[in-house]
Protein backbone atom coordinates (compact mmCIF):
# COMPACT_ATOMS: atom_id res chain seq x y z
CA MET A 1 31.55 53.11 2.63
CA SER A 2 33.76 50.26 4.98
CA LEU A 3 33.71 46.96 4.06
CA VAL A 4 31.76 46.50 6.96
CA THR A 5 28.84 48.04 6.26
CA LEU A 6 29.11 46.55 2.75
CA LEU A 7 29.39 43.09 3.39
CA PRO A 8 25.53 42.73 4.85
CA PHE A 9 24.61 44.06 0.98
CA ILE A 10 26.94 41.72 -0.13
CA VAL A 11 25.86 38.03 1.18
CA LEU A 12 21.60 39.46 0.39
CA ILE A 13 22.52 39.81 -3.22
CA GLY A 14 24.84 36.66 -2.53
CA ALA A 15 22.29 34.66 -1.74
CA MET A 16 19.78 36.21 -3.44
CA PHE A 17 21.55 34.83 -6.95
CA LEU A 18 21.70 31.31 -5.75
CA MET A 19 18.54 31.63 -5.02
CA THR A 20 17.18 32.51 -9.05
CA ARG A 21 19.53 30.08 -10.22
CA SER A 22 18.34 26.87 -8.06
CA ALA A 23 14.67 28.34 -8.80
CA LYS A 24 15.99 28.31 -12.09
CA LYS A 25 17.18 24.69 -11.89
CA LYS A 26 13.69 23.37 -11.28
CA GLN A 27 12.25 25.43 -13.32
CA GLN A 28 14.43 23.58 -15.97
CA GLN A 29 14.56 20.88 -15.50
CA ALA A 30 10.39 20.45 -15.35
CA ALA A 31 10.06 22.06 -18.69
CA ASN A 32 12.42 19.07 -19.93
CA MET A 33 10.57 15.92 -18.00
CA ARG A 34 7.11 17.72 -20.16
CA ASN A 35 9.29 17.91 -23.57
CA GLU A 36 10.42 14.32 -23.06
CA MET A 37 7.02 13.35 -22.53
CA GLN A 38 5.48 10.78 -25.59
CA PRO A 39 2.03 9.22 -26.29
CA GLY A 40 1.60 5.79 -23.88
CA SER A 41 3.40 8.09 -20.55
CA GLY A 42 1.22 8.39 -17.66
CA VAL A 43 1.33 11.51 -15.47
CA ARG A 44 0.10 13.32 -13.35
CA THR A 45 -1.41 16.83 -13.17
CA ILE A 46 -0.93 20.05 -10.93
CA GLY A 47 -4.01 18.95 -9.37
CA GLY A 48 -3.71 15.79 -8.77
CA MET A 49 -5.11 13.96 -10.96
CA TYR A 50 -2.98 10.54 -13.05
CA ALA A 51 -3.83 9.35 -16.89
CA THR A 52 -2.81 8.90 -19.81
CA VAL A 53 -0.92 10.90 -22.41
CA LYS A 54 -2.80 10.35 -25.56
CA GLU A 55 -1.33 13.37 -28.20
CA VAL A 56 1.19 15.93 -27.37
CA ASN A 57 1.04 19.35 -28.99
CA GLU A 58 3.25 22.22 -29.22
CA ASP A 59 1.70 23.25 -26.00
CA THR A 60 -1.47 20.96 -24.96
CA VAL A 61 -1.04 17.45 -24.68
CA LEU A 62 -4.62 15.59 -24.76
CA LEU A 63 -4.72 13.01 -22.09
CA ASP A 64 -7.24 9.85 -21.35
CA ALA A 65 -8.78 9.96 -18.62
CA GLY A 66 -11.22 6.89 -18.86
CA PRO A 67 -12.65 5.07 -20.99
CA GLY A 68 -14.35 6.97 -23.57
CA VAL A 69 -12.36 10.62 -21.28
CA ASP A 70 -10.39 12.60 -23.47
CA LEU A 71 -9.22 16.15 -21.34
CA LEU A 72 -6.66 19.07 -23.05
CA PHE A 73 -4.64 20.19 -21.22
CA ALA A 74 -2.33 22.62 -21.28
CA LYS A 75 1.89 21.14 -20.32
CA ASN A 76 2.85 23.29 -17.09
CA ALA A 77 -0.54 22.42 -15.66
CA ILE A 78 1.88 18.18 -15.70
CA GLY A 79 3.20 18.06 -12.43
CA ALA A 80 5.37 14.88 -13.54
CA VAL A 81 5.63 11.67 -15.90
CA LEU A 82 5.68 8.58 -13.46
CA THR A 83 7.47 5.76 -15.00
CA ASP A 84 5.39 2.48 -15.80
CA ASP A 85 5.81 1.34 -12.86
CA GLU A 86 5.14 3.64 -10.38
CA TYR A 87 1.93 4.41 -12.99
CA ASN A 88 0.33 0.69 -12.90
CA ARG A 89 1.84 0.28 -8.79
CA ILE A 90 -0.91 3.49 -8.61
CA VAL A 91 -3.54 3.77 -10.10
CA HIS A 92 -4.31 -0.20 -10.54
CA GLY A 93 -2.65 -0.86 -7.69
CA VAL A 94 0.18 -3.55 -9.79
CA GLU A 95 3.08 -4.07 -8.26
CA HIS A 96 6.09 -4.60 -10.07
CA ASP A 97 7.33 -8.69 -9.79
CA LEU A 98 10.41 -7.36 -8.41
CA LYS A 99 10.16 -9.01 -4.92
CA SER A 100 9.76 -13.41 -5.60
CA ASP A 101 9.70 -14.20 -1.49
CA VAL A 102 6.06 -12.33 -0.46
CA VAL A 103 4.20 -14.39 1.99
CA PRO A 104 0.75 -15.56 1.19
CA ASP A 105 -2.52 -13.46 2.10
CA ASP A 106 -3.88 -17.09 3.45
CA ALA A 107 -2.46 -20.07 5.61
CA SER A 108 -3.62 -22.71 2.18
CA SER A 109 -0.62 -22.23 0.22
CA LEU A 110 2.05 -22.70 3.04
CA THR A 111 0.91 -25.70 4.12
CA GLU A 112 -0.26 -27.86 0.92
CA SER A 113 1.46 -30.63 -0.15
CA GLU A 114 3.30 -31.27 -3.60
CA SER A 115 0.68 -33.05 -4.72
CA GLY A 116 -1.65 -30.02 -3.80
CA GLU A 117 -3.39 -32.06 -1.18
CA THR A 118 -3.55 -29.52 1.89
CA GLY A 119 -1.86 -31.99 5.50
CA ALA A 120 -3.03 -32.85 8.10
CA ALA A 121 -6.41 -31.18 7.39
CA SER A 122 -7.54 -32.39 4.72
CA ASP A 123 -9.84 -34.97 5.71
CA ASP A 124 -12.67 -32.52 5.21
CA THR A 125 -13.71 -33.00 9.16
CA PRO A 126 -14.99 -28.76 10.60
CA VAL A 127 -12.17 -28.48 13.80
CA ASP A 128 -14.23 -26.48 16.28
CA LEU A 129 -12.03 -25.09 18.56
CA GLY A 130 -14.90 -22.99 20.28
CA LYS A 131 -15.76 -23.62 24.14
CA LYS A 132 -18.54 -26.56 23.34
CA ASP A 133 -22.72 -25.65 25.25
CA ALA A 134 -23.40 -26.89 28.36
CA ASP A 135 -26.78 -29.14 26.66
CA GLU A 136 -24.03 -30.29 24.06
CA GLU A 137 -23.38 -33.83 25.06
CA PRO A 138 -19.23 -34.56 23.71
CA ALA A 139 -18.50 -37.16 21.65
CA ASP A 140 -16.30 -39.63 23.52
CA GLU A 141 -16.23 -41.08 26.65
CA THR A 142 -13.06 -39.77 27.85
CA ALA A 143 -14.33 -35.71 26.96
CA ALA A 144 -17.55 -36.83 28.88
CA ALA A 145 -16.47 -37.83 31.77
CA GLU A 146 -14.59 -34.55 31.80
CA ALA A 147 -16.90 -32.21 31.19
CA LYS A 148 -19.17 -34.69 34.27
CA ALA A 149 -16.22 -32.95 36.98
CA ASP A 150 -15.77 -29.69 35.75
CA ASP A 151 -19.91 -29.52 36.31
CA GLU A 152 -19.51 -31.08 40.12
CA PRO A 153 -18.71 -28.15 42.63
CA LYS A 154 -15.03 -28.38 44.13
CA LYS A 155 -14.49 -28.57 47.33
CA THR A 156 -12.33 -26.43 49.69
CA ASP A 157 -10.77 -26.85 53.05
CA GLY A 158 -13.00 -24.07 53.78
CA ASP A 159 -16.51 -24.33 52.06
CA SER A 160 -16.03 -28.37 53.71
CA ASP A 161 -19.89 -29.54 54.44
CA ALA A 162 -19.45 -32.23 56.97
CA LYS A 163 -18.47 -30.97 60.79
């Protein structure tokens, strides 16, 4: 047999060796992760359930899935051991306070002065930004004059009544 005919077999055996080696590495990392579990750690099972480790045994793990809900799982069923920050973010929706420049949901905290009062809008009078109905009378005289001018029909060069 020549080297040319053996080359495909050598490449195939090399590829199989690399694939099994990477699979063994992943299995070893998963086993190490499961062995490092401690009571109080947040975990995700392979089924996607999030819980807190209550007790670790030889082949099993007792998980606290909620108030009064304890579940016994095989160690192999643990998909990931999560950090405290990651577990709290996913389960409780709590973000770790690394960002001090967070923009608030409303702008009220941006308009407050140091004394705690808001700026120009602190006189407790409602501001109506909508259009007025035709029935309503404007409060001041200039607004009344503008409203009357708007109600009158405007004449253009083409619609002149005088001939």
